[in-house]
Amino acid sequence: MKAKCPICRRAVPAGEPDFPFCSPRCREVDLGKWATEEYRIPGEPVYLPEMGRAGQDDGE
C-alpha cells in the first residue's frame, strides 16, 4: 500500500519509519501546523479551568 505524504504529496510505502510522512522534516512541518493551530478539529471549543503552577487548580 502506498499513500501520499500529507505535506509534500510524495508517494510513501506503508513500511517506511516516518509513515504517513516521507521524511522527518515533513513530520515536523505537520507537528508545527498543529502547534500553531493551523490544523483544527471541528466542533465546539472545550474550556478547561485555569491551571496554576505545576498543574494545580488555582482553587487549591
C-alpha atoms as a PDB file:
ATOM      1  CA  MET A   1       0.000   0.000   0.000  1.00  0.00           C
ATOM      2  CA  LYS A   2       1.237   3.470  -0.853  1.00  0.00           C
ATOM      3  CA  ALA A   3      -0.043   6.763   0.440  1.00  0.00           C
ATOM      4  CA  LYS A   4       0.861  10.352  -0.322  1.00  0.00           C
ATOM      5  CA  CYS A   5       2.761  12.405   2.219  1.00  0.00           C
ATOM      6  CA  PRO A   6       0.253  14.958   3.585  1.00  0.00           C
ATOM      7  CA  ILE A   7       2.867  17.734   3.382  1.00  0.00           C
ATOM      8  CA  CYS A   8       4.730  17.311   0.062  1.00  0.00           C
ATOM      9  CA  ARG A   9       2.460  14.732  -1.659  1.00  0.00           C
ATOM     10  CA  ARG A  10       5.298  12.261  -2.466  1.00  0.00           C
ATOM     11  CA  ALA A  11       4.398   8.559  -2.577  1.00  0.00           C
ATOM     12  CA  VAL A  12       5.255   6.795   0.708  1.00  0.00           C
ATOM     13  CA  PRO A  13       5.254   2.985   1.115  1.00  0.00           C
ATOM     14  CA  ALA A  14       3.402   1.762   4.223  1.00  0.00           C
ATOM     15  CA  GLY A  15       6.557   0.223   5.737  1.00  0.00           C
ATOM     16  CA  GLU A  16       8.518   3.487   5.974  1.00  0.00           C
ATOM     17  CA  PRO A  17       9.542   4.548   9.513  1.00  0.00           C
ATOM     18  CA  ASP A  18       8.032   8.032   9.113  1.00  0.00           C
ATOM     19  CA  PHE A  19       4.757   6.794   7.548  1.00  0.00           C
ATOM     20  CA  PRO A  20       2.496   8.521   6.556  1.00  0.00           C
ATOM     21  CA  PHE A  21       5.177  11.180   6.072  1.00  0.00           C
ATOM     22  CA  CYS A  22       8.043  10.793   3.615  1.00  0.00           C
ATOM     23  CA  SER A  23      10.707  12.213   5.955  1.00  0.00           C
ATOM     24  CA  PRO A  24      11.363  13.526   9.474  1.00  0.00           C
ATOM     25  CA  ARG A  25      11.188  17.056   8.006  1.00  0.00           C
ATOM     26  CA  CYS A  26       7.614  16.597   6.745  1.00  0.00           C
ATOM     27  CA  ARG A  27       6.661  15.032  10.099  1.00  0.00           C
ATOM     28  CA  GLU A  28       7.989  18.135  11.909  1.00  0.00           C
ATOM     29  CA  VAL A  29       6.233  20.524   9.490  1.00  0.00           C
ATOM     30  CA  ASP A  30       2.956  18.726  10.275  1.00  0.00           C
ATOM     31  CA  LEU A  31       3.591  18.932  14.025  1.00  0.00           C
ATOM     32  CA  GLY A  32       4.273  22.662  13.683  1.00  0.00           C
ATOM     33  CA  LYS A  33       0.930  23.143  11.934  1.00  0.00           C
ATOM     34  CA  TRP A  34      -0.861  21.511  14.879  1.00  0.00           C
ATOM     35  CA  ALA A  35       1.166  23.557  17.390  1.00  0.00           C
ATOM     36  CA  THR A  36       0.313  26.864  15.688  1.00  0.00           C
ATOM     37  CA  GLU A  37      -3.354  25.824  15.367  1.00  0.00           C
ATOM     38  CA  GLU A  38      -3.231  25.895  11.573  1.00  0.00           C
ATOM     39  CA  TYR A  39      -4.924  22.491  11.836  1.00  0.00           C
ATOM     40  CA  ARG A  40      -8.054  22.276  13.979  1.00  0.00           C
ATOM     41  CA  ILE A  41     -10.576  19.586  14.795  1.00  0.00           C
ATOM     42  CA  PRO A  42     -14.106  20.847  14.078  1.00  0.00           C
ATOM     43  CA  GLY A  43     -16.560  21.158  16.933  1.00  0.00           C
ATOM     44  CA  GLU A  44     -17.390  23.264  19.937  1.00  0.00           C
ATOM     45  CA  PRO A  45     -14.366  24.605  21.853  1.00  0.00           C
ATOM     46  CA  VAL A  46     -13.512  22.844  25.094  1.00  0.00           C
ATOM     47  CA  TYR A  47     -12.947  25.160  28.020  1.00  0.00           C
ATOM     48  CA  LEU A  48     -10.653  23.904  30.752  1.00  0.00           C
ATOM     49  CA  PRO A  49     -10.306  25.507  34.184  1.00  0.00           C
ATOM     50  CA  GLU A  50      -7.393  27.882  34.578  1.00  0.00           C
ATOM     51  CA  MET A  51      -4.354  25.940  35.733  1.00  0.00           C
ATOM     52  CA  GLY A  52      -1.925  27.264  38.322  1.00  0.00           C
ATOM     53  CA  ARG A  53       1.653  26.199  38.974  1.00  0.00           C
ATOM     54  CA  ALA A  54       2.670  22.578  38.411  1.00  0.00           C
ATOM     55  CA  GLY A  55      -0.754  21.663  37.060  1.00  0.00           C
ATOM     56  CA  GLN A  56      -2.666  22.505  40.261  1.00  0.00           C
ATOM     57  CA  ASP A  57      -6.051  24.236  40.090  1.00  0.00           C
ATOM     58  CA  ASP A  58      -5.983  27.850  41.303  1.00  0.00           C
ATOM     59  CA  GLY A  59      -8.561  26.997  43.988  1.00  0.00           C
ATOM     60  CA  GLU A  60      -6.255  24.602  45.850  1.00  0.00           C
END
